[in-house]
Amino acid sequence: MGGFKTKFRIIKTSHNARKELRDALRPHENSLLTEINLLLDRARLLLKQKTQYSDFVLILDNLEKIRKVSGKDESSSLEFLFVGSAYQLGGMAAHTVLTLPLSLVRSHIGGEWKQLYGCEPFVLPMVKVPPRNETSHYEPGWTALKALLQKRLDLMPNSPKLSWNEVFNENATNLLIEASGGDVRTLMYFIQEAITEEDQAPVTHKSAFTAIGGTARTFASSVRHWDKLVQLAEMTDPRIPNNDPDYLELLRQGAILEYINGSNEEEGEAVGLEGLLLDEVTPWYAVHPIVKQLPQFKTARQNREKPLELPE
């Protein structure tokens, strides 16, 4: 057992060892898939025999975080993994959930997913906090996020039933929601950081601001293509070209967030095909609210607003 652990550790940490393992396994990919499916069938049979359940779901998480494989660049690596290996990833004898990078889903490959995997990818959009082309916030989105936070608070073990305002003051809550841009995962991260910073209730506006600071520093040091961010912020119809590598990079970094409007059917309105495609299906994009406050973004916007000075 100890020898196995040592070899497994070497495979995890050594690029050469991983490459050698991949090269050794590649000629046997089809037979490996067969063996995996036999194992899954066996697991399903035991599940039925020993539990009340009849089936299971196989979740392959964090695949969207893979950047490079087999010495390829990032774009080629993603295509190699999710397109070139679609037969293996989609051929397992189980209900399977894969996580894909959004930049790849929104690239030129977008139309191939149904052919490759038998279904379209499901993209979970941000909660609409900023309305399109407006400076005020979108009240239903804010209300939904506050309700979500209260439900999360109600699930905390061994704690008295508290209202959200007892844990966070109103200014801190509003700051965290605004800074998240409607990304629930980011909002929860900010909350955890703010609680750690304060270590008592209620969490203050200052602690919330400190929690946001790390993300702001990451964006400031890693984001490029500021001119394109400004262009997106000034669009009346904020969409990104599917084949623009700069926008796809910004989308992967989280500097650009994706939204989808809700259907007007909820308000009792009949929606035709055109309205459905424009309002319910087609995503639109916004610059992350933290990025919009960074000096680099403001400078890029000021430079675009300056009149062109012609030489005398």
C-alpha atoms as a PDB file:
ATOM      1  CA  MET A   1       0.000   0.000   0.000  1.00  0.00           C
ATOM      2  CA  GLY A   2       2.816   2.377   0.860  1.00  0.00           C
ATOM      3  CA  GLY A   3       4.459   1.758  -2.511  1.00  0.00           C
ATOM      4  CA  PHE A   4       1.180   2.516  -4.276  1.00  0.00           C
ATOM      5  CA  LYS A   5       0.811   5.828  -2.403  1.00  0.00           C
ATOM      6  CA  THR A   6       4.347   6.802  -3.325  1.00  0.00           C
ATOM      7  CA  LYS A   7       3.799   6.065  -7.021  1.00  0.00           C
ATOM      8  CA  PHE A   8       0.461   7.913  -6.994  1.00  0.00           C
ATOM      9  CA  ARG A   9       2.129  10.952  -5.412  1.00  0.00           C
ATOM     10  CA  ILE A  10       4.825  10.915  -8.108  1.00  0.00           C
ATOM     11  CA  ILE A  11       2.166  10.772 -10.842  1.00  0.00           C
ATOM     12  CA  LYS A  12       0.316  13.738  -9.322  1.00  0.00           C
ATOM     13  CA  THR A  13       3.403  15.936  -8.985  1.00  0.00           C
ATOM     14  CA  SER A  14       5.568  14.933 -11.949  1.00  0.00           C
ATOM     15  CA  HIS A  15       4.719  16.213 -15.423  1.00  0.00           C
ATOM     16  CA  ASN A  16       6.903  13.543 -17.033  1.00  0.00           C
ATOM     17  CA  ALA A  17       5.252  10.772 -15.029  1.00  0.00           C
ATOM     18  CA  ARG A  18       1.779  11.973 -16.051  1.00  0.00           C
ATOM     19  CA  LYS A  19       2.855  12.136 -19.690  1.00  0.00           C
ATOM     20  CA  GLU A  20       4.286   8.624 -19.556  1.00  0.00           C
ATOM     21  CA  LEU A  21       1.062   7.350 -17.982  1.00  0.00           C
ATOM     22  CA  ARG A  22      -1.072   9.037 -20.660  1.00  0.00           C
ATOM     23  CA  ASP A  23       1.112   7.629 -23.440  1.00  0.00           C
ATOM     24  CA  ALA A  24       0.858   4.151 -21.953  1.00  0.00           C
ATOM     25  CA  LEU A  25      -2.937   4.332 -21.579  1.00  0.00           C
ATOM     26  CA  ARG A  26      -3.760   5.949 -24.928  1.00  0.00           C
ATOM     27  CA  PRO A  27      -3.661   2.714 -27.021  1.00  0.00           C
ATOM     28  CA  HIS A  28      -6.077   1.131 -24.528  1.00  0.00           C
ATOM     29  CA  GLU A  29      -8.678   3.924 -24.309  1.00  0.00           C
ATOM     30  CA  ASN A  30     -11.514   1.871 -25.794  1.00  0.00           C
ATOM     31  CA  SER A  31     -10.868  -1.151 -23.595  1.00  0.00           C
ATOM     32  CA  LEU A  32     -10.532   1.136 -20.539  1.00  0.00           C
ATOM     33  CA  LEU A  33     -13.940   2.659 -21.288  1.00  0.00           C
ATOM     34  CA  THR A  34     -15.387  -0.853 -21.511  1.00  0.00           C
ATOM     35  CA  GLU A  35     -13.860  -1.763 -18.132  1.00  0.00           C
ATOM     36  CA  ILE A  36     -15.141   1.470 -16.570  1.00  0.00           C
ATOM     37  CA  ASN A  37     -18.661   0.743 -17.803  1.00  0.00           C
ATOM     38  CA  LEU A  38     -18.512  -2.775 -16.418  1.00  0.00           C
ATOM     39  CA  LEU A  39     -17.510  -1.284 -13.065  1.00  0.00           C
ATOM     40  CA  LEU A  40     -20.374   1.233 -13.232  1.00  0.00           C
ATOM     41  CA  ASP A  41     -22.852  -1.529 -14.071  1.00  0.00           C
ATOM     42  CA  ARG A  42     -21.587  -3.524 -11.096  1.00  0.00           C
ATOM     43  CA  ALA A  43     -21.922  -0.474  -8.827  1.00  0.00           C
ATOM     44  CA  ARG A  44     -25.495   0.072 -10.042  1.00  0.00           C
ATOM     45  CA  LEU A  45     -26.391  -3.537  -9.313  1.00  0.00           C
ATOM     46  CA  LEU A  46     -24.961  -3.337  -5.768  1.00  0.00           C
ATOM     47  CA  LEU A  47     -26.785  -0.044  -5.229  1.00  0.00           C
ATOM     48  CA  LYS A  48     -30.111  -1.684  -6.070  1.00  0.00           C
ATOM     49  CA  GLN A  49     -29.365  -4.667  -3.860  1.00  0.00           C
ATOM     50  CA  LYS A  50     -28.193  -2.806  -0.776  1.00  0.00           C
ATOM     51  CA  THR A  51     -30.080   0.512  -0.825  1.00  0.00           C
ATOM     52  CA  GLN A  52     -33.438   1.995  -1.756  1.00  0.00           C
ATOM     53  CA  TYR A  53     -31.879   3.682  -4.802  1.00  0.00           C
ATOM     54  CA  SER A  54     -31.791   2.292  -8.333  1.00  0.00           C
ATOM     55  CA  ASP A  55     -29.284   4.580 -10.028  1.00  0.00           C
ATOM     56  CA  PHE A  56     -26.639   7.235  -9.453  1.00  0.00           C
ATOM     57  CA  VAL A  57     -25.139  10.310 -11.088  1.00  0.00           C
ATOM     58  CA  LEU A  58     -21.461  10.556 -11.974  1.00  0.00           C
ATOM     59  CA  ILE A  59     -20.188  14.118 -11.477  1.00  0.00           C
ATOM     60  CA  LEU A  60     -16.882  15.091 -13.080  1.00  0.00           C
ATOM     61  CA  ASP A  61     -16.322  18.446 -11.422  1.00  0.00           C
ATOM     62  CA  ASN A  62     -13.614  21.086 -11.856  1.00  0.00           C
ATOM     63  CA  LEU A  63     -12.845  20.091 -15.452  1.00  0.00           C
ATOM     64  CA  GLU A  64     -13.406  23.732 -16.407  1.00  0.00           C
ATOM     65  CA  LYS A  65     -10.311  24.636 -14.384  1.00  0.00           C
ATOM     66  CA  ILE A  66      -7.985  22.617 -16.630  1.00  0.00           C
ATOM     67  CA  ARG A  67      -5.910  24.978 -18.735  1.00  0.00           C
ATOM     68  CA  LYS A  68      -3.306  22.902 -20.587  1.00  0.00           C
ATOM     69  CA  VAL A  69      -2.875  19.247 -21.472  1.00  0.00           C
ATOM     70  CA  SER A  70      -0.332  17.313 -23.512  1.00  0.00           C
ATOM     71  CA  GLY A  71       1.892  20.331 -24.157  1.00  0.00           C
ATOM     72  CA  LYS A  72      -0.808  22.188 -26.145  1.00  0.00           C
ATOM     73  CA  ASP A  73      -1.769  25.835 -25.749  1.00  0.00           C
ATOM     74  CA  GLU A  74      -4.902  26.630 -23.735  1.00  0.00           C
ATOM     75  CA  SER A  75      -7.376  26.829 -26.625  1.00  0.00           C
ATOM     76  CA  SER A  76      -6.122  23.611 -28.212  1.00  0.00           C
ATOM     77  CA  SER A  77      -6.043  21.895 -24.824  1.00  0.00           C
ATOM     78  CA  LEU A  78      -9.709  22.631 -24.141  1.00  0.00           C
ATOM     79  CA  GLU A  79     -10.738  21.401 -27.588  1.00  0.00           C
ATOM     80  CA  PHE A  80      -8.576  18.291 -27.137  1.00  0.00           C
ATOM     81  CA  LEU A  81     -10.209  17.491 -23.807  1.00  0.00           C
ATOM     82  CA  PHE A  82     -13.872  18.271 -24.440  1.00  0.00           C
ATOM     83  CA  VAL A  83     -14.175  17.783 -28.212  1.00  0.00           C
ATOM     84  CA  GLY A  84     -11.475  15.233 -29.010  1.00  0.00           C
ATOM     85  CA  SER A  85     -12.352  13.138 -25.946  1.00  0.00           C
ATOM     86  CA  ALA A  86     -16.134  13.502 -26.231  1.00  0.00           C
ATOM     87  CA  TYR A  87     -16.513   9.793 -26.990  1.00  0.00           C
ATOM     88  CA  GLN A  88     -14.812   8.825 -23.725  1.00  0.00           C
ATOM     89  CA  LEU A  89     -16.398  11.553 -21.560  1.00  0.00           C
ATOM     90  CA  GLY A  90     -19.865  10.960 -22.947  1.00  0.00           C
ATOM     91  CA  GLY A  91     -19.560   7.203 -23.298  1.00  0.00           C
ATOM     92  CA  MET A  92     -19.687   6.221 -19.638  1.00  0.00           C
ATOM     93  CA  ALA A  93     -22.682   4.102 -18.689  1.00  0.00           C
ATOM     94  CA  ALA A  94     -24.101   6.535 -16.150  1.00  0.00           C
ATOM     95  CA  HIS A  95     -25.946   9.799 -15.902  1.00  0.00           C
ATOM     96  CA  THR A  96     -22.956  12.121 -16.164  1.00  0.00           C
ATOM     97  CA  VAL A  97     -22.495  15.773 -15.293  1.00  0.00           C
ATOM     98  CA  LEU A  98     -19.435  17.542 -16.716  1.00  0.00           C
ATOM     99  CA  THR A  99     -18.298  21.066 -15.963  1.00  0.00           C
ATOM    100  CA  LEU A 100     -17.168  23.028 -19.017  1.00  0.00           C
ATOM    101  CA  PRO A 101     -15.334  26.357 -19.242  1.00  0.00           C
ATOM    102  CA  LEU A 102     -17.802  29.063 -20.279  1.00  0.00           C
ATOM    103  CA  SER A 103     -15.280  30.523 -22.710  1.00  0.00           C
ATOM    104  CA  LEU A 104     -15.336  27.235 -24.656  1.00  0.00           C
ATOM    105  CA  VAL A 105     -19.130  27.000 -24.581  1.00  0.00           C
ATOM    106  CA  ARG A 106     -19.347  30.504 -26.059  1.00  0.00           C
ATOM    107  CA  SER A 107     -16.663  29.862 -28.685  1.00  0.00           C
ATOM    108  CA  HIS A 108     -17.061  28.675 -32.275  1.00  0.00           C
ATOM    109  CA  ILE A 109     -17.554  25.122 -30.964  1.00  0.00           C
ATOM    110  CA  GLY A 110     -20.905  26.081 -29.449  1.00  0.00           C
ATOM    111  CA  GLY A 111     -22.990  24.515 -32.195  1.00  0.00           C
ATOM    112  CA  GLU A 112     -21.327  21.102 -31.839  1.00  0.00           C
ATOM    113  CA  TRP A 113     -22.231  20.238 -28.252  1.00  0.00           C
ATOM    114  CA  LYS A 114     -25.514  18.505 -29.042  1.00  0.00           C
ATOM    115  CA  GLN A 115     -23.826  16.318 -31.653  1.00  0.00           C
ATOM    116  CA  LEU A 116     -20.959  15.513 -29.294  1.00  0.00           C
ATOM    117  CA  TYR A 117     -22.872  14.832 -26.078  1.00  0.00           C
ATOM    118  CA  GLY A 118     -26.518  14.520 -27.097  1.00  0.00           C
ATOM    119  CA  CYS A 119     -27.603  17.708 -25.306  1.00  0.00           C
ATOM    120  CA  GLU A 120     -26.926  21.406 -25.144  1.00  0.00           C
ATOM    121  CA  PRO A 121     -24.746  22.631 -22.252  1.00  0.00           C
ATOM    122  CA  PHE A 122     -26.635  24.230 -19.382  1.00  0.00           C
ATOM    123  CA  VAL A 123     -25.188  27.607 -18.439  1.00  0.00           C
ATOM    124  CA  LEU A 124     -26.166  29.052 -15.073  1.00  0.00           C
ATOM    125  CA  PRO A 125     -26.261  32.823 -15.598  1.00  0.00           C
ATOM    126  CA  MET A 126     -25.618  35.476 -13.004  1.00  0.00           C
ATOM    127  CA  VAL A 127     -28.572  36.770 -11.020  1.00  0.00           C
ATOM    128  CA  LYS A 128     -29.522  40.002 -12.759  1.00  0.00           C
ATOM    129  CA  VAL A 129     -28.379  42.673 -10.319  1.00  0.00           C
ATOM    130  CA  PRO A 130     -27.483  45.482 -12.757  1.00  0.00           C
ATOM    131  CA  PRO A 131     -30.182  46.072 -15.409  1.00  0.00           C
ATOM    132  CA  ARG A 132     -28.987  46.469 -18.966  1.00  0.00           C
ATOM    133  CA  ASN A 133     -27.868  49.991 -19.856  1.00  0.00           C
ATOM    134  CA  GLU A 134     -29.010  51.443 -16.530  1.00  0.00           C
ATOM    135  CA  THR A 135     -27.111  52.673 -13.509  1.00  0.00           C
ATOM    136  CA  SER A 136     -29.650  51.743 -10.821  1.00  0.00           C
ATOM    137  CA  HIS A 137     -29.901  48.214  -9.494  1.00  0.00           C
ATOM    138  CA  TYR A 138     -32.486  45.642 -10.541  1.00  0.00           C
ATOM    139  CA  GLU A 139     -34.667  45.278  -7.457  1.00  0.00           C
ATOM    140  CA  PRO A 140     -36.019  41.717  -8.085  1.00  0.00           C
ATOM    141  CA  GLY A 141     -32.442  40.441  -8.367  1.00  0.00           C
ATOM    142  CA  TRP A 142     -31.396  42.088  -5.123  1.00  0.00           C
ATOM    143  CA  THR A 143     -34.481  40.761  -3.348  1.00  0.00           C
ATOM    144  CA  ALA A 144     -33.790  37.227  -4.584  1.00  0.00           C
ATOM    145  CA  LEU A 145     -30.174  37.321  -3.385  1.00  0.00           C
ATOM    146  CA  LYS A 146     -31.174  38.649   0.038  1.00  0.00           C
ATOM    147  CA  ALA A 147     -33.745  35.846   0.340  1.00  0.00           C
ATOM    148  CA  LEU A 148     -31.042  33.343  -0.611  1.00  0.00           C
ATOM    149  CA  LEU A 149     -28.725  34.717   2.053  1.00  0.00           C
ATOM    150  CA  GLN A 150     -31.458  34.421   4.667  1.00  0.00           C
ATOM    151  CA  LYS A 151     -32.062  30.775   3.716  1.00  0.00           C
ATOM    152  CA  ARG A 152     -28.341  30.092   3.990  1.00  0.00           C
ATOM    153  CA  LEU A 153     -28.336  31.685   7.413  1.00  0.00           C
ATOM    154  CA  ASP A 154     -31.320  29.562   8.512  1.00  0.00           C
ATOM    155  CA  LEU A 155     -29.332  26.408   7.657  1.00  0.00           C
ATOM    156  CA  MET A 156     -26.437  27.242   9.964  1.00  0.00           C
ATOM    157  CA  PRO A 157     -26.193  24.505  12.630  1.00  0.00           C
ATOM    158  CA  ASN A 158     -26.263  25.203  16.362  1.00  0.00           C
ATOM    159  CA  SER A 159     -27.137  28.877  15.965  1.00  0.00           C
ATOM    160  CA  PRO A 160     -30.213  30.846  16.994  1.00  0.00           C
ATOM    161  CA  LYS A 161     -32.587  31.941  14.263  1.00  0.00           C
ATOM    162  CA  LEU A 162     -31.211  35.306  13.148  1.00  0.00           C
ATOM    163  CA  SER A 163     -32.325  37.740  10.506  1.00  0.00           C
ATOM    164  CA  TRP A 164     -29.798  38.761   7.925  1.00  0.00           C
ATOM    165  CA  ASN A 165     -29.761  42.338   9.213  1.00  0.00           C
ATOM    166  CA  GLU A 166     -28.580  41.031  12.600  1.00  0.00           C
ATOM    167  CA  VAL A 167     -25.534  39.505  10.931  1.00  0.00           C
ATOM    168  CA  PHE A 168     -24.773  42.185   8.336  1.00  0.00           C
ATOM    169  CA  ASN A 169     -25.717  45.828   8.467  1.00  0.00           C
ATOM    170  CA  GLU A 170     -27.589  47.124   5.453  1.00  0.00           C
ATOM    171  CA  ASN A 171     -24.630  48.978   3.918  1.00  0.00           C
ATOM    172  CA  ALA A 172     -22.429  45.870   4.131  1.00  0.00           C
ATOM    173  CA  THR A 173     -25.105  43.673   2.548  1.00  0.00           C
ATOM    174  CA  ASN A 174     -25.674  46.106  -0.308  1.00  0.00           C
ATOM    175  CA  LEU A 175     -21.943  46.448  -0.943  1.00  0.00           C
ATOM    176  CA  LEU A 176     -21.420  42.686  -1.089  1.00  0.00           C
ATOM    177  CA  ILE A 177     -24.346  42.134  -3.460  1.00  0.00           C
ATOM    178  CA  GLU A 178     -23.258  44.975  -5.734  1.00  0.00           C
ATOM    179  CA  ALA A 179     -19.646  43.772  -5.819  1.00  0.00           C
ATOM    180  CA  SER A 180     -20.693  40.189  -6.638  1.00  0.00           C
ATOM    181  CA  GLY A 181     -22.408  41.249  -9.848  1.00  0.00           C
ATOM    182  CA  GLY A 182     -25.030  38.579  -9.142  1.00  0.00           C
ATOM    183  CA  ASP A 183     -22.519  35.695  -9.035  1.00  0.00           C
ATOM    184  CA  VAL A 184     -23.759  33.585  -6.106  1.00  0.00           C
ATOM    185  CA  ARG A 185     -20.448  31.774  -5.602  1.00  0.00           C
ATOM    186  CA  THR A 186     -18.562  35.071  -5.454  1.00  0.00           C
ATOM    187  CA  LEU A 187     -21.136  36.517  -3.055  1.00  0.00           C
ATOM    188  CA  MET A 188     -20.735  33.571  -0.690  1.00  0.00           C
ATOM    189  CA  TYR A 189     -16.950  33.932  -0.870  1.00  0.00           C
ATOM    190  CA  PHE A 190     -17.197  37.628   0.026  1.00  0.00           C
ATOM    191  CA  ILE A 191     -19.471  36.812   2.937  1.00  0.00           C
ATOM    192  CA  GLN A 192     -17.065  34.219   4.326  1.00  0.00           C
ATOM    193  CA  GLU A 193     -14.149  36.635   4.012  1.00  0.00           C
ATOM    194  CA  ALA A 194     -16.097  39.442   5.694  1.00  0.00           C
ATOM    195  CA  ILE A 195     -17.143  37.204   8.599  1.00  0.00           C
ATOM    196  CA  THR A 196     -13.534  36.047   9.035  1.00  0.00           C
ATOM    197  CA  GLU A 197     -12.349  39.660   9.021  1.00  0.00           C
ATOM    198  CA  GLU A 198     -14.880  40.878  11.603  1.00  0.00           C
ATOM    199  CA  ASP A 199     -15.337  37.709  13.692  1.00  0.00           C
ATOM    200  CA  GLN A 200     -18.441  39.186  15.297  1.00  0.00           C
ATOM    201  CA  ALA A 201     -21.897  40.404  14.324  1.00  0.00           C
ATOM    202  CA  PRO A 202     -22.985  42.571  12.758  1.00  0.00           C
ATOM    203  CA  VAL A 203     -20.402  42.565   9.991  1.00  0.00           C
ATOM    204  CA  THR A 204     -19.607  46.147   9.045  1.00  0.00           C
ATOM    205  CA  HIS A 205     -19.248  47.996   5.771  1.00  0.00           C
ATOM    206  CA  LYS A 206     -15.497  48.206   6.420  1.00  0.00           C
ATOM    207  CA  SER A 207     -15.141  44.430   6.748  1.00  0.00           C
ATOM    208  CA  ALA A 208     -17.173  43.896   3.585  1.00  0.00           C
ATOM    209  CA  PHE A 209     -14.896  46.322   1.747  1.00  0.00           C
ATOM    210  CA  THR A 210     -11.831  44.439   3.012  1.00  0.00           C
ATOM    211  CA  ALA A 211     -13.329  41.130   1.819  1.00  0.00           C
ATOM    212  CA  ILE A 212     -13.725  42.541  -1.676  1.00  0.00           C
ATOM    213  CA  GLY A 213     -10.178  43.907  -1.768  1.00  0.00           C
ATOM    214  CA  GLY A 214      -8.477  40.610  -2.624  1.00  0.00           C
ATOM    215  CA  THR A 215     -10.613  40.110  -5.717  1.00  0.00           C
ATOM    216  CA  ALA A 216      -9.988  43.698  -6.769  1.00  0.00           C
ATOM    217  CA  ARG A 217      -6.221  43.196  -6.512  1.00  0.00           C
ATOM    218  CA  THR A 218      -6.436  39.977  -8.539  1.00  0.00           C
ATOM    219  CA  PHE A 219      -8.380  41.710 -11.305  1.00  0.00           C
ATOM    220  CA  ALA A 220      -6.001  44.695 -11.288  1.00  0.00           C
ATOM    221  CA  SER A 221      -2.938  42.494 -11.760  1.00  0.00           C
ATOM    222  CA  SER A 222      -4.313  39.904 -14.192  1.00  0.00           C
ATOM    223  CA  VAL A 223      -6.871  41.570 -16.474  1.00  0.00           C
ATOM    224  CA  ARG A 224      -5.835  42.848 -19.902  1.00  0.00           C
ATOM    225  CA  HIS A 225      -7.749  44.286 -22.877  1.00  0.00           C
ATOM    226  CA  TRP A 226      -9.101  47.291 -20.996  1.00  0.00           C
ATOM    227  CA  ASP A 227     -10.199  48.968 -24.223  1.00  0.00           C
ATOM    228  CA  LYS A 228     -12.463  46.041 -25.039  1.00  0.00           C
ATOM    229  CA  LEU A 229     -13.951  46.136 -21.567  1.00  0.00           C
ATOM    230  CA  VAL A 230     -14.792  49.806 -22.082  1.00  0.00           C
ATOM    231  CA  GLN A 231     -16.291  49.007 -25.494  1.00  0.00           C
ATOM    232  CA  LEU A 232     -18.524  46.378 -23.906  1.00  0.00           C
ATOM    233  CA  ALA A 233     -19.605  48.755 -21.139  1.00  0.00           C
ATOM    234  CA  GLU A 234     -20.651  51.339 -23.736  1.00  0.00           C
ATOM    235  CA  MET A 235     -22.611  48.948 -25.995  1.00  0.00           C
ATOM    236  CA  THR A 236     -26.360  49.514 -26.222  1.00  0.00           C
ATOM    237  CA  ASP A 237     -26.720  45.775 -26.947  1.00  0.00           C
ATOM    238  CA  PRO A 238     -23.944  44.246 -24.808  1.00  0.00           C
ATOM    239  CA  ARG A 239     -22.851  41.045 -26.508  1.00  0.00           C
ATOM    240  CA  ILE A 240     -19.430  39.575 -27.276  1.00  0.00           C
ATOM    241  CA  PRO A 241     -18.120  38.057 -30.521  1.00  0.00           C
ATOM    242  CA  ASN A 242     -17.886  34.272 -30.157  1.00  0.00           C
ATOM    243  CA  ASN A 243     -14.522  34.053 -31.888  1.00  0.00           C
ATOM    244  CA  ASP A 244     -12.774  36.980 -30.221  1.00  0.00           C
ATOM    245  CA  PRO A 245     -10.051  35.391 -28.028  1.00  0.00           C
ATOM    246  CA  ASP A 246      -9.689  38.554 -25.937  1.00  0.00           C
ATOM    247  CA  TYR A 247     -13.341  38.580 -24.898  1.00  0.00           C
ATOM    248  CA  LEU A 248     -13.249  34.834 -24.239  1.00  0.00           C
ATOM    249  CA  GLU A 249     -10.212  35.351 -21.997  1.00  0.00           C
ATOM    250  CA  LEU A 250     -12.041  38.098 -20.086  1.00  0.00           C
ATOM    251  CA  LEU A 251     -15.072  35.841 -19.752  1.00  0.00           C
ATOM    252  CA  ARG A 252     -12.915  33.022 -18.369  1.00  0.00           C
ATOM    253  CA  GLN A 253     -11.287  35.393 -15.868  1.00  0.00           C
ATOM    254  CA  GLY A 254     -14.662  36.607 -14.645  1.00  0.00           C
ATOM    255  CA  ALA A 255     -13.971  40.193 -15.721  1.00  0.00           C
ATOM    256  CA  ILE A 256     -17.080  39.823 -17.897  1.00  0.00           C
ATOM    257  CA  LEU A 257     -20.285  38.316 -16.482  1.00  0.00           C
ATOM    258  CA  GLU A 258     -23.077  36.629 -18.443  1.00  0.00           C
ATOM    259  CA  TYR A 259     -26.781  37.297 -17.866  1.00  0.00           C
ATOM    260  CA  ILE A 260     -30.064  36.100 -19.386  1.00  0.00           C
ATOM    261  CA  ASN A 261     -33.301  38.022 -18.994  1.00  0.00           C
ATOM    262  CA  GLY A 262     -36.316  36.279 -17.538  1.00  0.00           C
ATOM    263  CA  SER A 263     -39.307  35.453 -19.704  1.00  0.00           C
ATOM    264  CA  ASN A 264     -42.169  37.939 -19.988  1.00  0.00           C
ATOM    265  CA  GLU A 265     -44.565  35.003 -19.672  1.00  0.00           C
ATOM    266  CA  GLU A 266     -44.306  35.439 -15.904  1.00  0.00           C
ATOM    267  CA  GLU A 267     -46.134  38.736 -16.332  1.00  0.00           C
ATOM    268  CA  GLY A 268     -48.858  37.151 -18.424  1.00  0.00           C
ATOM    269  CA  GLU A 269     -47.549  38.398 -21.749  1.00  0.00           C
ATOM    270  CA  ALA A 270     -47.586  36.224 -24.856  1.00  0.00           C
ATOM    271  CA  VAL A 271     -44.061  35.778 -26.191  1.00  0.00           C
ATOM    272  CA  GLY A 272     -43.459  34.969 -29.845  1.00  0.00           C
ATOM    273  CA  LEU A 273     -40.388  33.266 -31.260  1.00  0.00           C
ATOM    274  CA  GLU A 274     -38.560  36.551 -31.797  1.00  0.00           C
ATOM    275  CA  GLY A 275     -39.234  37.715 -28.249  1.00  0.00           C
ATOM    276  CA  LEU A 276     -38.300  34.327 -26.837  1.00  0.00           C
ATOM    277  CA  LEU A 277     -34.965  34.247 -28.638  1.00  0.00           C
ATOM    278  CA  LEU A 278     -34.077  37.807 -27.706  1.00  0.00           C
ATOM    279  CA  ASP A 279     -35.276  37.797 -24.115  1.00  0.00           C
ATOM    280  CA  GLU A 280     -35.128  34.243 -22.812  1.00  0.00           C
ATOM    281  CA  VAL A 281     -32.318  32.528 -24.702  1.00  0.00           C
ATOM    282  CA  THR A 282     -29.761  35.025 -25.954  1.00  0.00           C
ATOM    283  CA  PRO A 283     -27.237  35.984 -23.261  1.00  0.00           C
ATOM    284  CA  TRP A 284     -25.957  39.493 -22.709  1.00  0.00           C
ATOM    285  CA  TYR A 285     -22.838  40.602 -20.892  1.00  0.00           C
ATOM    286  CA  ALA A 286     -21.600  43.199 -18.439  1.00  0.00           C
ATOM    287  CA  VAL A 287     -18.224  44.234 -17.110  1.00  0.00           C
ATOM    288  CA  HIS A 288     -17.737  42.988 -13.564  1.00  0.00           C
ATOM    289  CA  PRO A 289     -18.671  45.826 -11.167  1.00  0.00           C
ATOM    290  CA  ILE A 290     -15.321  45.597  -9.375  1.00  0.00           C
ATOM    291  CA  VAL A 291     -13.428  45.840 -12.667  1.00  0.00           C
ATOM    292  CA  LYS A 292     -15.402  48.970 -13.596  1.00  0.00           C
ATOM    293  CA  GLN A 293     -14.059  50.696 -10.481  1.00  0.00           C
ATOM    294  CA  LEU A 294     -10.394  49.922 -11.126  1.00  0.00           C
ATOM    295  CA  PRO A 295      -8.060  52.764 -12.219  1.00  0.00           C
ATOM    296  CA  GLN A 296      -7.095  50.911 -15.411  1.00  0.00           C
ATOM    297  CA  PHE A 297     -10.718  50.770 -16.551  1.00  0.00           C
ATOM    298  CA  LYS A 298     -11.369  54.416 -15.713  1.00  0.00           C
ATOM    299  CA  THR A 299      -8.209  55.474 -17.538  1.00  0.00           C
ATOM    300  CA  ALA A 300      -9.155  53.449 -20.608  1.00  0.00           C
ATOM    301  CA  ARG A 301     -12.618  55.035 -20.587  1.00  0.00           C
ATOM    302  CA  GLN A 302     -11.172  58.539 -20.278  1.00  0.00           C
ATOM    303  CA  ASN A 303      -8.802  57.885 -23.162  1.00  0.00           C
ATOM    304  CA  ARG A 304     -11.719  56.803 -25.372  1.00  0.00           C
ATOM    305  CA  GLU A 305     -13.594  59.968 -24.493  1.00  0.00           C
ATOM    306  CA  LYS A 306     -10.694  62.281 -25.414  1.00  0.00           C
ATOM    307  CA  PRO A 307     -11.094  63.939 -28.817  1.00  0.00           C
ATOM    308  CA  LEU A 308      -8.620  62.866 -31.495  1.00  0.00           C
ATOM    309  CA  GLU A 309      -5.835  65.440 -31.763  1.00  0.00           C
ATOM    310  CA  LEU A 310      -4.718  65.856 -35.364  1.00  0.00           C
ATOM    311  CA  PRO A 311      -1.120  66.928 -36.025  1.00  0.00           C
ATOM    312  CA  GLU A 312      -0.703  70.517 -37.158  1.00  0.00           C
END
